[in-house]
Structures are given as C-alpha cells and as structure tokens.
Amino acid sequence: MKAFITTLFICLAASLSAQKTLPVIYLDGTFNSDKYEVGKLTVVNSDQSKTEYRIKAHYRGSASKKYDKKSFAIKFQDENGVKLDVSLFGLRSDNRWILDAMACDASRMRNRVSFDLWNEFSHPSYVAEYEETAMNGVNGTFVELYFNGNYNGIYCLNEKVDRKQMQLKDVSNKGKIRGGLYKAEEWGTTQFWEELAAYDNQSKTCEGWESEYPDVEDDGSANWKPLADAIEFIALADKSKFLKEVEQRVDLPVWNDYLIFMLVAGLTDNGGKNTYTYFYDSTSDDLRLGICPWDMDSSWGRLWEGSKVGAKYNRGTSNMLYTKLFMWQDGYYDTLKERYASLRNSSFSIEHLKSLFTKYFDLYEETGAGKREIEQWNNNPASLDFSGEKKYIFDWIEQRIAFTDSFFGFSPSGISSVLYDEQRNVLKDAYFTIDGRKVTEPQPGKIYIHNGKKVHF
C-alpha cells in the first residue's frame, strides 16, 4: 500500500510538472504616461528560480492608455542606470521591450497572430540584401503579469520594431546619420497624398510621423529629408517619372505583400498610420523605402475599439503609391493576383489561418490563463468569451477569404464550406474599388476590379 501511494504521488507530481504554463513576470513600480520611471521587473524562470532586473517603464499606446489594463514600454538597465540588453524566453537580446495588454481585443491575440502570419509569408526586406539577419517584423510570446503584487492577466511580450531589429545602418564613425526609421502615427501625409510641407530635424515629429531612428534625444537630430523626398516622389511624380523610378524608390515586393496582407487580415487601421517606413542607408545610392506593419488589433473582424465588423467591410487600403501603381503600371493587378494565388493554398488557406488562432486559444485553455483573464478583465472593456470569439473569428475567416478570392479572381479546388460557398455566391460578379471596397453602383469612367480583371467601367 505504501509503495502504491508513493508511486501515485510520483505520477501526480510528474503530471503537474508537465502541465503547460505561461511564463510569469512581476512588474513593480509607479508609472505614468508622460515619462519613464524606474522600477523592477522579475522573471520567473523555467526552474522556478527568479531573476530580478532594474528597469524604466511608462504606459504606452494612445487610446489604450485610458483603460484599466495598461500596456507598458520597458527599458532594461544595469545597477548604474546604463542600458542593458536582455534575452527573455528565447526572444532576441535587447534593452527595449513591450508588454501589450490587448485590452480591447476579445481574443487577446489578434496582433500576435497577424505578426505570425506576416513573418511567415512576406518577402524579406531589401535590407536583407546587405544584412543577412535583418528582420521585417517582430516576435513575441504570451506571459502572465503581476503588477505591484496583483494579478494583471495575459500580456504579449513583444520585441520592438527598431534600428537593431531592421538592421539599418547606424551613425557612422564621423557622426553622419545613415539609417532612418519612421513611425506613422496619424492619417494624412502617411498615405502619400501630399508632400511634407516643412520639416525640422530638431523635432521628433512631423505631420503625422515620428522619427524612431535617429532619435532627437538620443542622437541629437532627426533626419527627415529621405522620407520627405520619398513622399514627394510618390505624391507628385508624373506618370513617366513614376514608372521609370518606382522600383528604385520603393521596396515593391514587400509593399505588394503588405497590400495583400491588409486585405486578407481585414486591417482597418493600418492603411496609412500604424506602420513603420525605413531606409537602410540614406547616404547610399539605394534609397528604396521599406514598410513594416505595427499595432494590428483592428483586424480579423473587429475594429480598434473592439466592435465587430463584417467580413466584406473594407475601410480602404488606399494611398497614392497603390493608386498610381493600379492606374499606371501595366500588369500590376495581375502581379498581385499571382502572388495571392501562390499563397492561397498555404499561408492563406482557411485551415492554416484558423490554426494560427487555434494554437493560442488552446494554450489559454490548457494553462488556465484564459479563465484567469476572464475572471480579472471580463467587460473591462471587452466582453471575454474565448470559445465564442474563436467561433466568430473562424466564421469571419471563411467569409473574408471568399471576399479576397473574389477580389483576386481566385477559384479554389476541392471541398469548401457552406459558409464560404454562400459568400462566394453573394460576391459573384461584384465590382470592387482598386483598394478593395465593394461597390453597389459602379460609376462611368472609374477603374474597378471585376471578375478577376481590372476594368474601366
């Protein structure tokens, strides 16, 4: 009997130790939205030992700052206050990190899934031609956070889009600024409809843009001229100049992927703002403008504040670059069609898109983190029902892929679902604007996408 109890105890202990858990982080300090304040971050390691770090942090985000569940921007430091690079949970080694609260996202994973998909299928940045380790996106992992001793729920610990991640050129030994990284924070010139009216290299911001690198505070000056020149080219170049130079001025394979990505994922807040643009080396002859996505909570059937939106809804991905490419570059729509078709049975298959979500929904259930998140944050502000949200996303994906298949004139082979087939039937013979919006009354003289072709109505 004694041997049996001992054996049972060992089996139970082994079972518990094998149970999946999310990594745990403790964050302590008094923080605000205005500036970094010193605090402490403690990581619980896989062997349950703890590692403490001195950090600086502040609340991050714009609209998200008003929610009770805060997101944090983190900077690691040594005991002397000097920046310290740290690798957490197998992610890159760096001193700057983000703890994303995902407060409005009823799934608590839309941004992470979107990056997983982007990292998987998108063309490498042109920077990879010069720097093999260049990455045009970020990795992340889900953790459970205790803030000042209190359980604060599920967070996504994300790497930052920055010069180091993108492998952009650093300031030269002679102090000359080379690489450039710019965050689009507002609508306007970020859609390239008009040139920058003026810029000041002593200012961190300019007409909806923020200079991420170089940083005015850390590097002494911004470098707005390369971005201003690129926007001027896209906004003002005539047809002849545009077609002659566009492939030398823009990293077209990645920009094309981004347009397709916005349509597939239903990104409604990323057609101008919530992106990063960049240059590898503004002192070189290669001045292609790159793009990297960011902040993709407004996706997969919900808007930025968490409300539902139908699968045929498209706010429009329009900016002057895509408009001119559709209007002036022969075969541009066919290029997009071919790229979409090459991915439709792999990265963009309905089952694969569902699997990206299933992985994290299963993780939340197996670790119990989903249940704890609901107990802590239900209806503050988002209503949380992970089972119901999973079904909603899956239904939305089927309807959305029917939409994008119609836009790109793609006909799948094999078995499809009833919901998918119903949506394809509804969209049969539909007209779309060149930025993916379905129209009910096409106007004479306008350019549309119809049955997989670009047409003048």
Protein backbone atom coordinates (compact mmCIF):
# COMPACT_ATOMS: atom_id res chain seq x y z
CA MET A 1 0.00 0.00 0.00
CA LYS A 2 2.80 2.37 0.95
CA ALA A 3 4.58 1.63 -2.34
CA PHE A 4 1.33 2.26 -4.24
CA ILE A 5 0.81 5.69 -2.60
CA THR A 6 4.43 6.61 -3.27
CA THR A 7 4.07 5.62 -6.93
CA LEU A 8 0.79 7.57 -7.22
CA PHE A 9 2.39 10.65 -5.70
CA ILE A 10 5.30 10.47 -8.16
CA CYS A 11 2.89 10.13 -11.09
CA LEU A 12 0.81 13.10 -9.95
CA ALA A 13 3.91 15.22 -9.43
CA ALA A 14 5.18 14.31 -12.90
CA SER A 15 1.79 15.16 -14.39
CA LEU A 16 1.71 18.54 -12.71
CA SER A 17 5.26 19.37 -13.70
CA ALA A 18 4.44 18.50 -17.32
CA GLN A 19 1.37 20.75 -17.37
CA LYS A 20 1.68 23.70 -19.72
CA THR A 21 2.10 27.10 -18.12
CA LEU A 22 2.61 30.58 -19.46
CA PRO A 23 5.81 32.39 -18.43
CA VAL A 24 5.30 34.68 -15.43
CA ILE A 25 6.60 38.23 -14.99
CA TYR A 26 6.35 40.50 -11.96
CA LEU A 27 6.45 44.26 -12.63
CA ASP A 28 6.77 46.68 -9.73
CA GLY A 29 6.86 50.47 -9.74
CA THR A 30 4.87 53.69 -10.06
CA PHE A 31 4.49 54.57 -13.72
CA ASN A 32 2.70 57.15 -15.84
CA SER A 33 2.11 58.06 -19.48
CA ASP A 34 4.49 61.02 -19.69
CA LYS A 35 7.97 59.69 -19.00
CA TYR A 36 9.94 56.62 -17.99
CA GLU A 37 10.11 55.89 -14.26
CA VAL A 38 12.44 53.44 -12.50
CA GLY A 39 11.01 50.12 -11.36
CA LYS A 40 11.73 46.41 -11.06
CA LEU A 41 10.92 43.50 -13.33
CA THR A 42 11.22 39.90 -12.12
CA VAL A 43 11.21 36.93 -14.47
CA VAL A 44 10.19 33.50 -13.17
CA ASN A 45 12.48 31.04 -14.92
CA SER A 46 11.55 27.54 -16.09
CA ASP A 47 13.12 26.01 -12.95
CA GLN A 48 11.01 28.43 -10.84
CA SER A 49 14.04 30.49 -9.86
CA LYS A 50 13.66 34.25 -10.25
CA THR A 51 15.81 36.86 -11.97
CA GLU A 52 15.36 40.50 -11.00
CA TYR A 53 16.14 43.44 -13.27
CA ARG A 54 16.22 47.19 -12.82
CA ILE A 55 14.00 48.75 -15.48
CA LYS A 56 12.41 52.01 -16.57
CA ALA A 57 8.84 51.92 -17.80
CA HIS A 58 5.87 54.02 -18.82
CA TYR A 59 2.33 53.35 -20.02
CA ARG A 60 2.26 53.02 -23.81
CA GLY A 61 -0.33 53.44 -26.53
CA SER A 62 -2.62 56.31 -27.38
CA ALA A 63 -6.29 55.36 -26.94
CA SER A 64 -5.31 52.30 -24.87
CA LYS A 65 -3.89 54.43 -22.05
CA LYS A 66 -7.41 55.17 -20.81
CA TYR A 67 -8.12 51.50 -19.99
CA ASP A 68 -7.56 49.96 -16.57
CA LYS A 69 -5.41 47.22 -18.05
CA LYS A 70 -2.33 49.18 -19.10
CA SER A 71 0.34 48.35 -21.66
CA PHE A 72 3.96 49.10 -20.82
CA ALA A 73 7.09 50.18 -22.65
CA ILE A 74 10.11 48.74 -20.84
CA LYS A 75 13.82 49.65 -20.85
CA PHE A 76 16.28 47.40 -19.02
CA GLN A 77 19.21 48.95 -17.12
CA ASP A 78 22.15 47.79 -15.05
CA GLU A 79 22.65 48.93 -11.45
CA ASN A 80 24.27 52.14 -12.71
CA GLY A 81 21.36 53.07 -14.96
CA VAL A 82 23.18 52.11 -18.16
CA LYS A 83 21.10 50.31 -20.78
CA LEU A 84 21.25 46.53 -20.51
CA ASP A 85 20.45 44.04 -23.28
CA VAL A 86 18.41 41.07 -22.04
CA SER A 87 17.06 37.99 -23.82
CA LEU A 88 13.69 36.86 -22.49
CA PHE A 89 12.05 33.48 -23.18
CA GLY A 90 14.10 32.77 -26.29
CA LEU A 91 13.45 36.12 -27.96
CA ARG A 92 16.17 38.48 -29.14
CA SER A 93 18.60 40.22 -26.77
CA ASP A 94 17.72 43.89 -26.36
CA ASN A 95 17.10 46.54 -23.72
CA ARG A 96 13.70 47.68 -25.01
CA TRP A 97 10.54 45.59 -24.78
CA ILE A 98 6.78 45.96 -24.91
CA LEU A 99 4.18 44.39 -22.62
CA ASP A 100 0.99 44.60 -24.68
CA ALA A 101 -2.22 44.40 -22.63
CA MET A 102 -4.52 43.82 -25.66
CA ALA A 103 -7.31 45.31 -23.54
CA CYS A 104 -9.82 45.87 -26.36
CA ASP A 105 -9.14 42.61 -28.17
CA ALA A 106 -11.73 39.99 -27.28
CA SER A 107 -9.36 37.25 -28.42
CA ARG A 108 -6.21 38.63 -26.73
CA MET A 109 -4.13 37.56 -29.74
CA ARG A 110 -5.03 39.47 -32.94
CA ASN A 111 -1.82 41.49 -33.14
CA ARG A 112 0.36 38.47 -32.36
CA VAL A 113 -1.38 36.24 -34.92
CA SER A 114 -1.09 38.99 -37.51
CA PHE A 115 2.66 39.24 -36.96
CA ASP A 116 2.98 35.45 -37.04
CA LEU A 117 1.33 35.43 -40.47
CA TRP A 118 3.34 38.41 -41.76
CA ASN A 119 6.63 36.93 -40.57
CA GLU A 120 5.74 33.65 -42.25
CA PHE A 121 4.83 34.75 -45.77
CA SER A 122 6.18 38.24 -46.52
CA HIS A 123 9.15 38.81 -48.77
CA PRO A 124 12.37 39.66 -46.93
CA SER A 125 13.12 43.35 -46.70
CA TYR A 126 15.58 44.68 -49.25
CA VAL A 127 17.84 45.30 -46.25
CA ALA A 128 18.44 41.53 -46.20
CA GLU A 129 20.45 42.01 -49.40
CA TYR A 130 23.02 43.77 -47.21
CA GLU A 131 22.36 42.33 -43.73
CA GLU A 132 21.52 38.62 -43.50
CA THR A 133 19.96 38.93 -40.03
CA ALA A 134 17.61 41.79 -40.94
CA MET A 135 14.02 41.16 -39.85
CA ASN A 136 10.93 42.99 -41.11
CA GLY A 137 8.66 42.21 -38.19
CA VAL A 138 8.79 41.22 -34.53
CA ASN A 139 8.47 38.07 -32.46
CA GLY A 140 6.65 37.79 -29.17
CA THR A 141 5.35 35.40 -26.54
CA PHE A 142 2.40 35.38 -24.16
CA VAL A 143 3.03 35.79 -20.44
CA GLU A 144 1.03 36.31 -17.27
CA LEU A 145 1.82 39.52 -15.44
CA TYR A 146 1.66 40.50 -11.79
CA PHE A 147 1.70 44.28 -11.40
CA ASN A 148 2.70 45.57 -7.97
CA GLY A 149 1.87 42.19 -6.49
CA ASN A 150 -1.58 41.88 -8.07
CA TYR A 151 -2.52 39.53 -10.88
CA ASN A 152 -2.93 41.56 -14.07
CA GLY A 153 -3.68 38.92 -16.67
CA ILE A 154 -2.38 37.84 -20.07
CA TYR A 155 0.13 40.08 -21.85
CA CYS A 156 2.08 39.67 -25.05
CA LEU A 157 5.76 40.35 -24.53
CA ASN A 158 6.89 41.77 -27.87
CA GLU A 159 10.15 42.80 -29.41
CA LYS A 160 10.28 46.35 -30.75
CA VAL A 161 10.49 47.49 -34.33
CA ASP A 162 13.73 49.47 -34.20
CA ARG A 163 17.01 50.06 -35.99
CA LYS A 164 18.57 46.96 -34.45
CA GLN A 165 15.69 44.69 -35.46
CA MET A 166 15.66 46.04 -39.01
CA GLN A 167 19.49 46.10 -39.20
CA LEU A 168 19.51 49.66 -40.51
CA LYS A 169 22.84 51.45 -40.72
CA ASP A 170 23.96 53.14 -37.51
CA VAL A 171 25.50 56.61 -37.25
CA SER A 172 28.94 56.49 -38.90
CA ASN A 173 32.22 56.99 -37.04
CA LYS A 174 32.21 60.54 -38.36
CA GLY A 175 28.78 61.20 -36.85
CA LYS A 176 26.89 61.05 -40.15
CA ILE A 177 23.32 59.79 -39.88
CA ARG A 178 22.65 56.90 -42.25
CA GLY A 179 19.68 54.62 -41.50
CA GLY A 180 16.18 56.04 -40.96
CA LEU A 181 13.08 54.57 -39.27
CA TYR A 182 9.78 56.47 -39.14
CA LYS A 183 6.55 55.56 -37.37
CA ALA A 184 3.25 56.61 -38.97
CA GLU A 185 1.03 57.71 -36.10
CA GLU A 186 -1.75 59.69 -37.81
CA TRP A 187 -3.65 59.79 -41.08
CA GLY A 188 -2.60 62.36 -43.69
CA THR A 189 0.82 62.52 -45.29
CA THR A 190 1.32 58.93 -44.11
CA GLN A 191 -0.89 58.00 -47.09
CA PHE A 192 1.39 59.90 -49.50
CA TRP A 193 -1.38 62.06 -50.94
CA GLU A 194 0.67 65.21 -50.47
CA GLU A 195 4.24 66.17 -49.73
CA LEU A 196 5.52 67.26 -46.32
CA ALA A 197 5.01 70.99 -46.09
CA ALA A 198 8.11 71.52 -43.98
CA TYR A 199 10.27 69.63 -41.51
CA ASP A 200 12.61 70.41 -38.63
CA ASN A 201 15.39 67.95 -37.77
CA GLN A 202 15.27 69.14 -34.17
CA SER A 203 11.70 67.89 -33.89
CA LYS A 204 10.84 64.25 -33.20
CA THR A 205 7.54 64.53 -35.09
CA CYS A 206 6.45 65.83 -38.48
CA GLU A 207 2.92 65.87 -39.91
CA GLY A 208 1.76 62.53 -38.53
CA TRP A 209 5.21 60.88 -38.47
CA GLU A 210 7.56 60.19 -35.58
CA SER A 211 11.28 59.66 -36.06
CA GLU A 212 12.05 56.40 -34.28
CA TYR A 213 15.62 56.47 -35.55
CA PRO A 214 17.53 58.67 -35.43
CA ASP A 215 16.03 59.87 -32.15
CA VAL A 216 16.32 63.57 -31.40
CA GLU A 217 17.00 62.96 -27.70
CA ASP A 218 19.49 60.11 -28.10
CA ASP A 219 21.14 61.00 -31.42
CA GLY A 220 20.92 64.79 -31.38
CA SER A 221 18.88 65.15 -34.55
CA ALA A 222 16.23 63.56 -36.72
CA ASN A 223 16.79 63.02 -40.45
CA TRP A 224 13.57 63.91 -42.25
CA LYS A 225 14.95 64.59 -45.72
CA PRO A 226 14.98 60.98 -47.06
CA LEU A 227 11.35 60.48 -46.01
CA ALA A 228 10.32 63.89 -47.35
CA ASP A 229 11.95 63.10 -50.70
CA ALA A 230 10.22 59.71 -50.90
CA ILE A 231 6.80 61.19 -50.11
CA GLU A 232 7.35 63.97 -52.65
CA PHE A 233 8.20 61.39 -55.32
CA ILE A 234 5.12 59.25 -54.61
CA ALA A 235 2.74 62.20 -54.28
CA LEU A 236 3.94 64.43 -57.13
CA ALA A 237 5.76 62.34 -59.74
CA ASP A 238 4.06 62.28 -63.14
CA LYS A 239 3.39 59.00 -64.90
CA SER A 240 6.65 58.90 -66.82
CA LYS A 241 8.85 59.67 -63.82
CA PHE A 242 6.88 57.39 -61.51
CA LEU A 243 7.08 54.33 -63.75
CA LYS A 244 10.75 54.92 -64.51
CA GLU A 245 11.83 55.22 -60.86
CA VAL A 246 9.31 53.46 -58.63
CA GLU A 247 11.21 50.17 -58.38
CA GLN A 248 14.35 52.08 -57.36
CA ARG A 249 12.47 54.20 -54.81
CA VAL A 250 10.19 51.63 -53.16
CA ASP A 251 10.73 48.04 -51.92
CA LEU A 252 7.88 46.86 -54.14
CA PRO A 253 7.75 43.13 -53.27
CA VAL A 254 7.20 43.98 -49.60
CA TRP A 255 4.75 46.80 -50.32
CA ASN A 256 2.77 44.43 -52.54
CA ASP A 257 2.72 41.82 -49.79
CA TYR A 258 1.51 44.45 -47.36
CA LEU A 259 -1.43 45.39 -49.58
CA ILE A 260 -2.48 41.74 -49.91
CA PHE A 261 -1.96 41.26 -46.15
CA MET A 262 -4.26 44.18 -45.31
CA LEU A 263 -6.99 42.66 -47.46
CA VAL A 264 -6.66 39.13 -46.06
CA ALA A 265 -6.48 40.11 -42.37
CA GLY A 266 -9.04 42.90 -42.71
CA LEU A 267 -6.69 45.55 -41.32
CA THR A 268 -8.83 48.66 -40.97
CA ASP A 269 -6.46 51.00 -39.12
CA ASN A 270 -3.20 50.36 -40.98
CA GLY A 271 -3.63 51.88 -44.43
CA GLY A 272 -1.52 54.89 -43.53
CA LYS A 273 -0.97 55.08 -39.79
CA ASN A 274 0.26 52.18 -37.63
CA THR A 275 3.14 51.30 -39.92
CA TYR A 276 6.89 51.87 -39.97
CA THR A 277 8.76 53.02 -43.06
CA TYR A 278 12.51 52.94 -43.30
CA PHE A 279 15.75 53.33 -45.26
CA TYR A 280 18.76 51.08 -44.86
CA ASP A 281 21.33 53.81 -45.58
CA SER A 282 20.25 57.26 -46.69
CA THR A 283 23.83 58.09 -47.73
CA SER A 284 23.94 55.27 -50.30
CA ASP A 285 22.55 55.08 -53.82
CA ASP A 286 19.93 52.53 -52.74
CA LEU A 287 17.09 54.64 -51.38
CA ARG A 288 14.23 52.17 -51.52
CA LEU A 289 11.50 52.90 -48.98
CA GLY A 290 10.58 49.86 -46.89
CA ILE A 291 7.47 49.14 -44.84
CA CYS A 292 6.80 47.12 -41.68
CA PRO A 293 3.35 46.68 -40.03
CA TRP A 294 2.53 47.60 -36.46
CA ASP A 295 -0.38 47.62 -33.98
CA MET A 296 -2.78 45.26 -35.74
CA ASP A 297 -5.54 44.89 -33.14
CA SER A 298 -8.01 46.29 -35.68
CA SER A 299 -8.17 43.08 -37.70
CA TRP A 300 -9.83 39.71 -38.15
CA GLY A 301 -13.38 41.02 -37.78
CA ARG A 302 -13.04 43.71 -35.13
CA LEU A 303 -12.21 47.42 -35.13
CA TRP A 304 -9.61 49.13 -32.94
CA GLU A 305 -12.07 49.74 -30.10
CA GLY A 306 -13.30 46.13 -30.16
CA SER A 307 -16.59 46.34 -32.08
CA LYS A 308 -17.42 43.71 -34.68
CA VAL A 309 -17.18 44.44 -38.40
CA GLY A 310 -18.41 42.31 -41.27
CA ALA A 311 -16.13 40.25 -43.48
CA LYS A 312 -16.99 42.30 -46.57
CA TYR A 313 -16.15 45.57 -44.85
CA ASN A 314 -13.03 47.33 -46.05
CA ARG A 315 -12.14 50.81 -44.89
CA GLY A 316 -9.82 51.00 -47.85
CA THR A 317 -6.10 50.46 -48.15
CA SER A 318 -5.74 53.42 -50.43
CA ASN A 319 -2.66 55.58 -50.58
CA MET A 320 -1.09 57.37 -53.50
CA LEU A 321 1.52 54.66 -54.06
CA TYR A 322 -1.05 51.91 -54.62
CA THR A 323 -3.35 54.24 -56.57
CA LYS A 324 -0.62 55.13 -59.07
CA LEU A 325 0.53 51.53 -59.37
CA PHE A 326 -3.01 50.38 -60.18
CA MET A 327 -3.61 53.21 -62.63
CA TRP A 328 -0.25 53.38 -64.39
CA GLN A 329 1.75 50.15 -64.10
CA ASP A 330 0.68 47.60 -66.69
CA GLY A 331 0.01 44.23 -65.13
CA TYR A 332 0.13 45.46 -61.52
CA TYR A 333 -3.16 43.84 -60.58
CA ASP A 334 -2.03 40.61 -62.26
CA THR A 335 1.16 40.71 -60.16
CA LEU A 336 -0.97 40.86 -57.01
CA LYS A 337 -3.23 38.09 -58.28
CA GLU A 338 -0.28 35.81 -58.93
CA ARG A 339 1.21 36.49 -55.51
CA TYR A 340 -2.13 35.85 -53.77
CA ALA A 341 -2.66 32.63 -55.74
CA SER A 342 0.83 31.40 -54.80
CA LEU A 343 -0.08 31.71 -51.11
CA ARG A 344 -3.76 30.78 -51.20
CA ASN A 345 -3.24 27.06 -50.56
CA SER A 346 -0.54 27.57 -47.93
CA SER A 347 -0.27 30.68 -45.75
CA PHE A 348 -3.71 31.94 -46.84
CA SER A 349 -5.61 28.68 -46.72
CA ILE A 350 -8.65 28.81 -44.48
CA GLU A 351 -7.43 25.92 -42.34
CA HIS A 352 -3.97 27.42 -41.89
CA LEU A 353 -5.37 30.81 -40.84
CA LYS A 354 -7.60 29.07 -38.32
CA SER A 355 -4.64 27.08 -36.99
CA LEU A 356 -2.75 30.28 -36.16
CA PHE A 357 -5.54 31.19 -33.75
CA THR A 358 -6.16 27.64 -32.52
CA LYS A 359 -2.60 27.40 -31.22
CA TYR A 360 -3.13 30.30 -28.82
CA PHE A 361 -6.74 29.54 -27.88
CA ASP A 362 -5.60 26.03 -26.92
CA LEU A 363 -2.69 27.48 -24.95
CA TYR A 364 -5.02 29.75 -22.97
CA GLU A 365 -7.28 26.82 -22.14
CA GLU A 366 -4.54 24.31 -21.28
CA THR A 367 -2.72 26.72 -18.97
CA GLY A 368 -5.85 28.11 -17.35
CA ALA A 369 -4.68 31.61 -18.31
CA GLY A 370 -7.82 32.19 -20.34
CA LYS A 371 -10.06 31.50 -17.36
CA ARG A 372 -7.98 33.80 -15.14
CA GLU A 373 -8.11 36.54 -17.78
CA ILE A 374 -11.89 36.36 -17.93
CA GLU A 375 -12.19 36.47 -14.14
CA GLN A 376 -9.92 39.52 -14.00
CA TRP A 377 -10.98 41.58 -17.02
CA ASN A 378 -14.35 40.49 -18.43
CA ASN A 379 -16.31 43.55 -19.66
CA ASN A 380 -13.41 45.86 -18.81
CA PRO A 381 -13.60 46.97 -21.58
CA ALA A 382 -14.05 43.89 -23.81
CA SER A 383 -16.55 41.10 -23.23
CA LEU A 384 -14.46 37.94 -22.96
CA ASP A 385 -15.69 34.54 -24.16
CA PHE A 386 -12.78 32.76 -25.82
CA SER A 387 -14.89 29.87 -27.11
CA GLY A 388 -17.40 32.24 -28.68
CA GLU A 389 -14.68 34.50 -30.04
CA LYS A 390 -12.91 31.55 -31.65
CA LYS A 391 -16.11 30.61 -33.49
CA TYR A 392 -16.67 34.21 -34.54
CA ILE A 393 -13.13 34.51 -35.94
CA PHE A 394 -13.41 31.19 -37.77
CA ASP A 395 -16.69 32.19 -39.41
CA TRP A 396 -15.22 35.58 -40.29
CA ILE A 397 -12.15 33.96 -41.89
CA GLU A 398 -14.31 31.79 -44.14
CA GLN A 399 -16.32 34.81 -45.26
CA ARG A 400 -13.25 37.00 -45.63
CA ILE A 401 -11.37 34.54 -47.81
CA ALA A 402 -14.46 34.29 -50.00
CA PHE A 403 -14.19 38.09 -50.29
CA THR A 404 -10.47 38.13 -51.15
CA ASP A 405 -10.88 35.20 -53.55
CA SER A 406 -13.49 37.24 -55.40
CA PHE A 407 -11.30 40.34 -55.40
CA PHE A 408 -8.32 38.44 -56.80
CA GLY A 409 -10.34 36.18 -59.10
CA PHE A 410 -9.16 33.02 -57.39
CA SER A 411 -11.13 29.78 -57.68
CA PRO A 412 -10.20 27.13 -55.10
CA SER A 413 -10.25 23.45 -55.88
CA GLY A 414 -11.50 20.74 -53.53
CA ILE A 415 -14.10 20.88 -50.78
CA SER A 416 -15.15 24.26 -49.38
CA SER A 417 -17.56 25.09 -46.56
CA VAL A 418 -21.21 26.03 -46.88
CA LEU A 419 -20.48 29.46 -45.37
CA TYR A 420 -17.62 30.07 -47.81
CA ASP A 421 -19.73 28.98 -50.81
CA GLU A 422 -22.60 31.23 -49.72
CA GLN A 423 -20.30 34.23 -49.57
CA ARG A 424 -18.78 33.47 -52.97
CA ASN A 425 -22.27 33.33 -54.45
CA VAL A 426 -23.17 36.70 -52.89
CA LEU A 427 -19.98 38.24 -54.31
CA LYS A 428 -20.42 36.76 -57.78
CA ASP A 429 -19.95 39.48 -60.44
CA ALA A 430 -19.22 42.09 -57.75
CA TYR A 431 -17.30 45.29 -58.51
CA PHE A 432 -14.50 46.45 -56.20
CA THR A 433 -12.53 49.66 -55.99
CA ILE A 434 -8.81 49.26 -56.52
CA ASP A 435 -8.30 49.41 -52.75
CA GLY A 436 -10.70 46.54 -52.04
CA ARG A 437 -14.05 48.17 -51.29
CA LYS A 438 -17.16 46.53 -52.75
CA VAL A 439 -19.39 48.99 -54.63
CA THR A 440 -23.06 48.57 -55.43
CA GLU A 441 -23.29 51.27 -58.13
CA PRO A 442 -20.17 51.48 -60.33
CA GLN A 443 -19.66 54.92 -61.83
CA PRO A 444 -18.84 55.52 -65.50
CA GLY A 445 -15.20 56.36 -66.17
CA LYS A 446 -13.93 54.76 -62.95
CA ILE A 447 -11.46 51.89 -62.60
CA TYR A 448 -12.72 48.75 -60.84
CA ILE A 449 -11.80 45.13 -60.18
CA HIS A 450 -14.44 42.81 -61.69
CA ASN A 451 -14.28 39.02 -62.03
CA GLY A 452 -10.53 38.99 -61.56
CA LYS A 453 -9.78 41.77 -64.05
CA LYS A 454 -9.05 45.49 -63.91
CA VAL A 455 -11.75 47.24 -65.92
CA HIS A 456 -12.77 50.78 -66.93
CA PHE A 457 -16.50 50.97 -66.30
